[in-house]
Amino acid sequence: MHSVLDLLLQYRYFGLFCLLCLGIVGLPIPDETLLVFAGYLILRGILDPWLAFITALAATMLGISISYAVGRALGYRVVPRFGKYVHLTPKRMERVNQWFSRMGAWLLTICYFIPGVRHFAALVAGMSRLRYRTFALFAYPGAVIWVAIFLAAGYFLGAQWERASATVQHDVLIGVGAACVAALLGWAIHKFRRRLRFTLKA
């Protein structure tokens, strides 16, 4: 991990862009830790906040778009052959497929926060022939939220960023899970009320 952070210190924005893009595609790079450390560098004045945010967002959007394009163009041919190089085992592939079948395109919004799902959700979306417009509508806002949260975490944690990084990831995951449950509950209540109104009118 420290070698990755050293690269970020040495190459700044270029390093942040390349490392984060490759991490999103599926290489074993600690994405959240990278963003939290970048947030700490913003606090130290080493990185500009807006330039760091734009760089990280562009890298994230490019990385997830590459995964989507590969899945759409070559998915079922390339995954069995090269999946092992990015730790995409059949078991993981099945897990992501199950998530996608349950949540649909919404998975692309929250996948950044789910370990083991983030790197391959776009690949599965491409393999399922999801339209690019739909992919972009759900995937890119999630990238904005994810980048902003972890950069802010590094900024506000300050010198404690490394010790608290794992806790932040855990807390964010719990928060996202709670938000998803609340959203699903709200949707279910809304559907129930509409059905009830329709029944009463009939």
C-alpha atoms as a PDB file:
ATOM      1  CA  MET A   1       0.000   0.000   0.000  1.00  0.00           C
ATOM      2  CA  HIS A   2       2.767   2.446   0.888  1.00  0.00           C
ATOM      3  CA  SER A   3       4.326   2.107  -2.568  1.00  0.00           C
ATOM      4  CA  VAL A   4       1.000   3.241  -4.058  1.00  0.00           C
ATOM      5  CA  LEU A   5       0.879   6.249  -1.735  1.00  0.00           C
ATOM      6  CA  ASP A   6       4.499   7.070  -2.575  1.00  0.00           C
ATOM      7  CA  LEU A   7       3.528   7.165  -6.256  1.00  0.00           C
ATOM      8  CA  LEU A   8       0.723   9.569  -5.427  1.00  0.00           C
ATOM      9  CA  LEU A   9       3.134  11.818  -3.538  1.00  0.00           C
ATOM     10  CA  GLN A  10       5.643  11.723  -6.369  1.00  0.00           C
ATOM     11  CA  TYR A  11       3.329  12.198  -9.350  1.00  0.00           C
ATOM     12  CA  ARG A  12       0.470  14.095  -7.671  1.00  0.00           C
ATOM     13  CA  TYR A  13      -2.505  14.513 -10.029  1.00  0.00           C
ATOM     14  CA  PHE A  14      -1.134  12.251 -12.742  1.00  0.00           C
ATOM     15  CA  GLY A  15      -0.493   9.537 -10.175  1.00  0.00           C
ATOM     16  CA  LEU A  16      -3.960   9.975  -8.666  1.00  0.00           C
ATOM     17  CA  PHE A  17      -5.584   9.705 -12.085  1.00  0.00           C
ATOM     18  CA  CYS A  18      -3.683   6.622 -13.242  1.00  0.00           C
ATOM     19  CA  LEU A  19      -3.828   4.711  -9.967  1.00  0.00           C
ATOM     20  CA  LEU A  20      -7.504   5.354  -9.346  1.00  0.00           C
ATOM     21  CA  CYS A  21      -8.493   4.525 -12.918  1.00  0.00           C
ATOM     22  CA  LEU A  22      -6.595   1.225 -12.783  1.00  0.00           C
ATOM     23  CA  GLY A  23      -8.079   0.458  -9.364  1.00  0.00           C
ATOM     24  CA  ILE A  24     -11.622   0.956 -10.626  1.00  0.00           C
ATOM     25  CA  VAL A  25     -10.926  -1.271 -13.628  1.00  0.00           C
ATOM     26  CA  GLY A  26      -9.985  -4.044 -11.216  1.00  0.00           C
ATOM     27  CA  LEU A  27      -6.281  -3.960 -10.420  1.00  0.00           C
ATOM     28  CA  PRO A  28      -5.405  -4.557  -6.735  1.00  0.00           C
ATOM     29  CA  ILE A  29      -5.101  -0.889  -5.750  1.00  0.00           C
ATOM     30  CA  PRO A  30      -6.631   0.374  -2.458  1.00  0.00           C
ATOM     31  CA  ASP A  31      -9.042   2.896  -3.982  1.00  0.00           C
ATOM     32  CA  GLU A  32     -10.616   4.272  -0.802  1.00  0.00           C
ATOM     33  CA  THR A  33      -7.257   4.555   0.963  1.00  0.00           C
ATOM     34  CA  LEU A  34      -5.896   6.400  -2.065  1.00  0.00           C
ATOM     35  CA  LEU A  35      -8.764   8.908  -1.933  1.00  0.00           C
ATOM     36  CA  VAL A  36      -8.524   9.362   1.831  1.00  0.00           C
ATOM     37  CA  PHE A  37      -4.791  10.024   1.537  1.00  0.00           C
ATOM     38  CA  ALA A  38      -5.457  12.489  -1.293  1.00  0.00           C
ATOM     39  CA  GLY A  39      -7.891  14.272   1.038  1.00  0.00           C
ATOM     40  CA  TYR A  40      -5.138  14.499   3.646  1.00  0.00           C
ATOM     41  CA  LEU A  41      -2.790  15.967   1.016  1.00  0.00           C
ATOM     42  CA  ILE A  42      -5.456  18.593   0.280  1.00  0.00           C
ATOM     43  CA  LEU A  43      -5.430  19.521   3.980  1.00  0.00           C
ATOM     44  CA  ARG A  44      -1.639  19.821   3.860  1.00  0.00           C
ATOM     45  CA  GLY A  45      -1.840  22.110   0.846  1.00  0.00           C
ATOM     46  CA  ILE A  46      -0.012  19.628  -1.391  1.00  0.00           C
ATOM     47  CA  LEU A  47      -3.051  19.121  -3.638  1.00  0.00           C
ATOM     48  CA  ASP A  48      -5.599  21.692  -4.731  1.00  0.00           C
ATOM     49  CA  PRO A  49      -9.104  20.601  -3.602  1.00  0.00           C
ATOM     50  CA  TRP A  50     -10.933  21.271  -6.866  1.00  0.00           C
ATOM     51  CA  LEU A  51      -8.197  19.900  -9.093  1.00  0.00           C
ATOM     52  CA  ALA A  52      -7.897  16.774  -6.928  1.00  0.00           C
ATOM     53  CA  PHE A  53     -11.670  16.273  -6.991  1.00  0.00           C
ATOM     54  CA  ILE A  54     -11.899  16.708 -10.779  1.00  0.00           C
ATOM     55  CA  THR A  55      -8.901  14.417 -11.333  1.00  0.00           C
ATOM     56  CA  ALA A  56     -10.303  11.688  -9.067  1.00  0.00           C
ATOM     57  CA  LEU A  57     -13.770  11.990 -10.588  1.00  0.00           C
ATOM     58  CA  ALA A  58     -12.436  11.815 -14.155  1.00  0.00           C
ATOM     59  CA  ALA A  59     -10.353   8.746 -13.273  1.00  0.00           C
ATOM     60  CA  THR A  60     -13.305   7.017 -11.614  1.00  0.00           C
ATOM     61  CA  MET A  61     -15.651   7.755 -14.509  1.00  0.00           C
ATOM     62  CA  LEU A  62     -13.080   6.601 -17.069  1.00  0.00           C
ATOM     63  CA  GLY A  63     -12.318   3.423 -15.143  1.00  0.00           C
ATOM     64  CA  ILE A  64     -15.940   2.384 -14.760  1.00  0.00           C
ATOM     65  CA  SER A  65     -16.634   3.301 -18.402  1.00  0.00           C
ATOM     66  CA  ILE A  66     -13.773   1.072 -19.548  1.00  0.00           C
ATOM     67  CA  SER A  67     -15.227  -1.822 -17.547  1.00  0.00           C
ATOM     68  CA  TYR A  68     -18.647  -1.198 -19.087  1.00  0.00           C
ATOM     69  CA  ALA A  69     -17.193  -1.031 -22.631  1.00  0.00           C
ATOM     70  CA  VAL A  70     -15.193  -4.232 -22.142  1.00  0.00           C
ATOM     71  CA  GLY A  71     -18.247  -6.013 -20.777  1.00  0.00           C
ATOM     72  CA  ARG A  72     -20.427  -4.820 -23.645  1.00  0.00           C
ATOM     73  CA  ALA A  73     -17.932  -5.624 -26.408  1.00  0.00           C
ATOM     74  CA  LEU A  74     -16.033  -8.657 -25.134  1.00  0.00           C
ATOM     75  CA  GLY A  75     -17.547  -9.711 -21.808  1.00  0.00           C
ATOM     76  CA  TYR A  76     -18.409 -13.344 -22.247  1.00  0.00           C
ATOM     77  CA  ARG A  77     -15.248 -13.985 -24.231  1.00  0.00           C
ATOM     78  CA  VAL A  78     -12.721 -12.065 -22.158  1.00  0.00           C
ATOM     79  CA  VAL A  79     -13.906 -12.785 -18.592  1.00  0.00           C
ATOM     80  CA  PRO A  80     -13.261 -16.555 -18.537  1.00  0.00           C
ATOM     81  CA  ARG A  81      -9.845 -16.050 -20.091  1.00  0.00           C
ATOM     82  CA  PHE A  82      -8.499 -12.960 -18.323  1.00  0.00           C
ATOM     83  CA  GLY A  83     -10.734 -12.599 -15.266  1.00  0.00           C
ATOM     84  CA  LYS A  84      -8.193 -14.298 -13.013  1.00  0.00           C
ATOM     85  CA  TYR A  85      -5.713 -11.456 -13.572  1.00  0.00           C
ATOM     86  CA  VAL A  86      -8.061  -8.963 -11.901  1.00  0.00           C
ATOM     87  CA  HIS A  87      -9.344 -11.475  -9.306  1.00  0.00           C
ATOM     88  CA  LEU A  88     -12.664 -11.946 -11.111  1.00  0.00           C
ATOM     89  CA  THR A  89     -13.411 -15.523 -10.102  1.00  0.00           C
ATOM     90  CA  PRO A  90     -16.593 -17.361 -11.164  1.00  0.00           C
ATOM     91  CA  LYS A  91     -17.825 -17.048  -7.572  1.00  0.00           C
ATOM     92  CA  ARG A  92     -17.389 -13.268  -7.592  1.00  0.00           C
ATOM     93  CA  MET A  93     -18.977 -13.020 -11.010  1.00  0.00           C
ATOM     94  CA  GLU A  94     -22.026 -14.918  -9.762  1.00  0.00           C
ATOM     95  CA  ARG A  95     -22.212 -12.671  -6.690  1.00  0.00           C
ATOM     96  CA  VAL A  96     -22.213  -9.506  -8.819  1.00  0.00           C
ATOM     97  CA  ASN A  97     -24.803 -11.034 -11.156  1.00  0.00           C
ATOM     98  CA  GLN A  98     -27.061 -11.697  -8.182  1.00  0.00           C
ATOM     99  CA  TRP A  99     -26.669  -8.121  -6.941  1.00  0.00           C
ATOM    100  CA  PHE A 100     -27.419  -6.792 -10.419  1.00  0.00           C
ATOM    101  CA  SER A 101     -30.514  -8.959 -10.859  1.00  0.00           C
ATOM    102  CA  ARG A 102     -31.880  -7.711  -7.515  1.00  0.00           C
ATOM    103  CA  MET A 103     -31.088  -4.012  -7.823  1.00  0.00           C
ATOM    104  CA  GLY A 104     -30.831  -3.399 -11.550  1.00  0.00           C
ATOM    105  CA  ALA A 105     -29.115  -0.195 -12.667  1.00  0.00           C
ATOM    106  CA  TRP A 106     -29.196   1.198  -9.112  1.00  0.00           C
ATOM    107  CA  LEU A 107     -26.302  -1.125  -8.340  1.00  0.00           C
ATOM    108  CA  LEU A 108     -24.128   1.125 -10.510  1.00  0.00           C
ATOM    109  CA  THR A 109     -24.818   4.044  -8.150  1.00  0.00           C
ATOM    110  CA  ILE A 110     -23.923   2.273  -4.907  1.00  0.00           C
ATOM    111  CA  CYS A 111     -21.405  -0.295  -6.199  1.00  0.00           C
ATOM    112  CA  TYR A 112     -18.472   2.019  -5.358  1.00  0.00           C
ATOM    113  CA  PHE A 113     -19.187   1.457  -1.674  1.00  0.00           C
ATOM    114  CA  ILE A 114     -19.421  -2.354  -1.832  1.00  0.00           C
ATOM    115  CA  PRO A 115     -16.120  -4.280  -1.672  1.00  0.00           C
ATOM    116  CA  GLY A 116     -15.940  -7.031  -4.287  1.00  0.00           C
ATOM    117  CA  VAL A 117     -18.769  -5.486  -6.313  1.00  0.00           C
ATOM    118  CA  ARG A 118     -17.410  -2.051  -7.239  1.00  0.00           C
ATOM    119  CA  HIS A 119     -14.859  -3.307  -9.733  1.00  0.00           C
ATOM    120  CA  PHE A 120     -17.181  -5.594 -11.677  1.00  0.00           C
ATOM    121  CA  ALA A 121     -20.678  -4.068 -11.606  1.00  0.00           C
ATOM    122  CA  ALA A 122     -20.023  -2.065 -14.785  1.00  0.00           C
ATOM    123  CA  LEU A 123     -18.617  -5.158 -16.480  1.00  0.00           C
ATOM    124  CA  VAL A 124     -21.813  -7.056 -15.719  1.00  0.00           C
ATOM    125  CA  ALA A 125     -23.890  -4.059 -16.864  1.00  0.00           C
ATOM    126  CA  GLY A 126     -22.073  -4.102 -20.185  1.00  0.00           C
ATOM    127  CA  MET A 127     -22.466  -7.847 -20.562  1.00  0.00           C
ATOM    128  CA  SER A 128     -26.210  -7.477 -19.947  1.00  0.00           C
ATOM    129  CA  ARG A 129     -26.358  -4.987 -22.875  1.00  0.00           C
ATOM    130  CA  LEU A 130     -27.536  -2.134 -20.661  1.00  0.00           C
ATOM    131  CA  ARG A 131     -27.823   1.036 -22.757  1.00  0.00           C
ATOM    132  CA  TYR A 132     -24.984   3.534 -22.272  1.00  0.00           C
ATOM    133  CA  ARG A 133     -27.446   6.331 -21.454  1.00  0.00           C
ATOM    134  CA  THR A 134     -28.854   4.295 -18.572  1.00  0.00           C
ATOM    135  CA  PHE A 135     -25.374   3.251 -17.467  1.00  0.00           C
ATOM    136  CA  ALA A 136     -24.183   6.879 -17.360  1.00  0.00           C
ATOM    137  CA  LEU A 137     -27.343   8.076 -15.580  1.00  0.00           C
ATOM    138  CA  PHE A 138     -26.757   5.694 -12.674  1.00  0.00           C
ATOM    139  CA  ALA A 139     -22.973   5.185 -12.610  1.00  0.00           C
ATOM    140  CA  TYR A 140     -21.638   8.741 -12.847  1.00  0.00           C
ATOM    141  CA  PRO A 141     -23.625  10.326  -9.976  1.00  0.00           C
ATOM    142  CA  GLY A 142     -22.394   7.471  -7.774  1.00  0.00           C
ATOM    143  CA  ALA A 143     -18.825   8.378  -8.736  1.00  0.00           C
ATOM    144  CA  VAL A 144     -19.398  11.999  -7.668  1.00  0.00           C
ATOM    145  CA  ILE A 145     -20.728  10.925  -4.254  1.00  0.00           C
ATOM    146  CA  TRP A 146     -18.007   8.317  -3.667  1.00  0.00           C
ATOM    147  CA  VAL A 147     -15.104  10.601  -4.563  1.00  0.00           C
ATOM    148  CA  ALA A 148     -16.494  13.505  -2.534  1.00  0.00           C
ATOM    149  CA  ILE A 149     -17.080  11.399   0.601  1.00  0.00           C
ATOM    150  CA  PHE A 150     -13.622   9.836   0.757  1.00  0.00           C
ATOM    151  CA  LEU A 151     -11.719  12.998  -0.149  1.00  0.00           C
ATOM    152  CA  ALA A 152     -13.668  14.819   2.568  1.00  0.00           C
ATOM    153  CA  ALA A 153     -12.917  11.999   5.020  1.00  0.00           C
ATOM    154  CA  GLY A 154      -9.173  12.378   4.454  1.00  0.00           C
ATOM    155  CA  TYR A 155      -9.416  16.149   4.790  1.00  0.00           C
ATOM    156  CA  PHE A 156     -11.320  16.118   8.074  1.00  0.00           C
ATOM    157  CA  LEU A 157      -9.421  13.190   9.600  1.00  0.00           C
ATOM    158  CA  GLY A 158      -6.134  14.999   9.101  1.00  0.00           C
ATOM    159  CA  ALA A 159      -3.066  13.228  10.461  1.00  0.00           C
ATOM    160  CA  GLN A 160      -5.268  10.404  11.776  1.00  0.00           C
ATOM    161  CA  TRP A 161      -6.301   9.428   8.227  1.00  0.00           C
ATOM    162  CA  GLU A 162      -4.365   6.127   8.108  1.00  0.00           C
ATOM    163  CA  ARG A 163      -5.481   4.818  11.489  1.00  0.00           C
ATOM    164  CA  ALA A 164      -9.123   5.750  10.863  1.00  0.00           C
ATOM    165  CA  SER A 165      -9.302   4.806   7.171  1.00  0.00           C
ATOM    166  CA  ALA A 166     -10.720   1.299   7.700  1.00  0.00           C
ATOM    167  CA  THR A 167     -13.293   2.643  10.179  1.00  0.00           C
ATOM    168  CA  VAL A 168     -14.415   5.264   7.679  1.00  0.00           C
ATOM    169  CA  GLN A 169     -14.888   2.633   4.967  1.00  0.00           C
ATOM    170  CA  HIS A 170     -16.926   0.481   7.371  1.00  0.00           C
ATOM    171  CA  ASP A 171     -19.087   3.396   8.549  1.00  0.00           C
ATOM    172  CA  VAL A 172     -19.710   4.627   5.003  1.00  0.00           C
ATOM    173  CA  LEU A 173     -20.744   1.125   3.932  1.00  0.00           C
ATOM    174  CA  ILE A 174     -23.211   0.924   6.839  1.00  0.00           C
ATOM    175  CA  GLY A 175     -24.561   4.379   5.957  1.00  0.00           C
ATOM    176  CA  VAL A 176     -25.036   3.446   2.308  1.00  0.00           C
ATOM    177  CA  GLY A 177     -26.744   0.212   3.314  1.00  0.00           C
ATOM    178  CA  ALA A 178     -29.101   2.101   5.624  1.00  0.00           C
ATOM    179  CA  ALA A 179     -29.861   4.619   2.870  1.00  0.00           C
ATOM    180  CA  CYS A 180     -30.661   1.800   0.446  1.00  0.00           C
ATOM    181  CA  VAL A 181     -32.988   0.145   2.957  1.00  0.00           C
ATOM    182  CA  ALA A 182     -34.715   3.501   3.583  1.00  0.00           C
ATOM    183  CA  ALA A 183     -35.079   4.114  -0.156  1.00  0.00           C
ATOM    184  CA  LEU A 184     -36.533   0.641  -0.739  1.00  0.00           C
ATOM    185  CA  LEU A 185     -38.907   1.088   2.189  1.00  0.00           C
ATOM    186  CA  GLY A 186     -40.037   4.450   0.830  1.00  0.00           C
ATOM    187  CA  TRP A 187     -40.577   2.948  -2.609  1.00  0.00           C
ATOM    188  CA  ALA A 188     -42.594   0.059  -1.134  1.00  0.00           C
ATOM    189  CA  ILE A 189     -44.775   2.461   0.908  1.00  0.00           C
ATOM    190  CA  HIS A 190     -45.347   4.617  -2.174  1.00  0.00           C
ATOM    191  CA  LYS A 191     -46.394   1.575  -4.240  1.00  0.00           C
ATOM    192  CA  PHE A 192     -48.664   0.351  -1.445  1.00  0.00           C
ATOM    193  CA  ARG A 193     -50.400   3.757  -1.172  1.00  0.00           C
ATOM    194  CA  ARG A 194     -50.959   3.937  -4.919  1.00  0.00           C
ATOM    195  CA  ARG A 195     -52.422   0.440  -4.957  1.00  0.00           C
ATOM    196  CA  LEU A 196     -54.616   1.274  -1.948  1.00  0.00           C
ATOM    197  CA  ARG A 197     -55.938   4.443  -3.660  1.00  0.00           C
ATOM    198  CA  PHE A 198     -56.682   2.488  -6.807  1.00  0.00           C
ATOM    199  CA  THR A 199     -58.534  -0.198  -4.809  1.00  0.00           C
ATOM    200  CA  LEU A 200     -60.617   2.393  -2.929  1.00  0.00           C
ATOM    201  CA  LYS A 201     -61.583   4.173  -6.163  1.00  0.00           C
ATOM    202  CA  ALA A 202     -62.594   0.898  -7.749  1.00  0.00           C
END
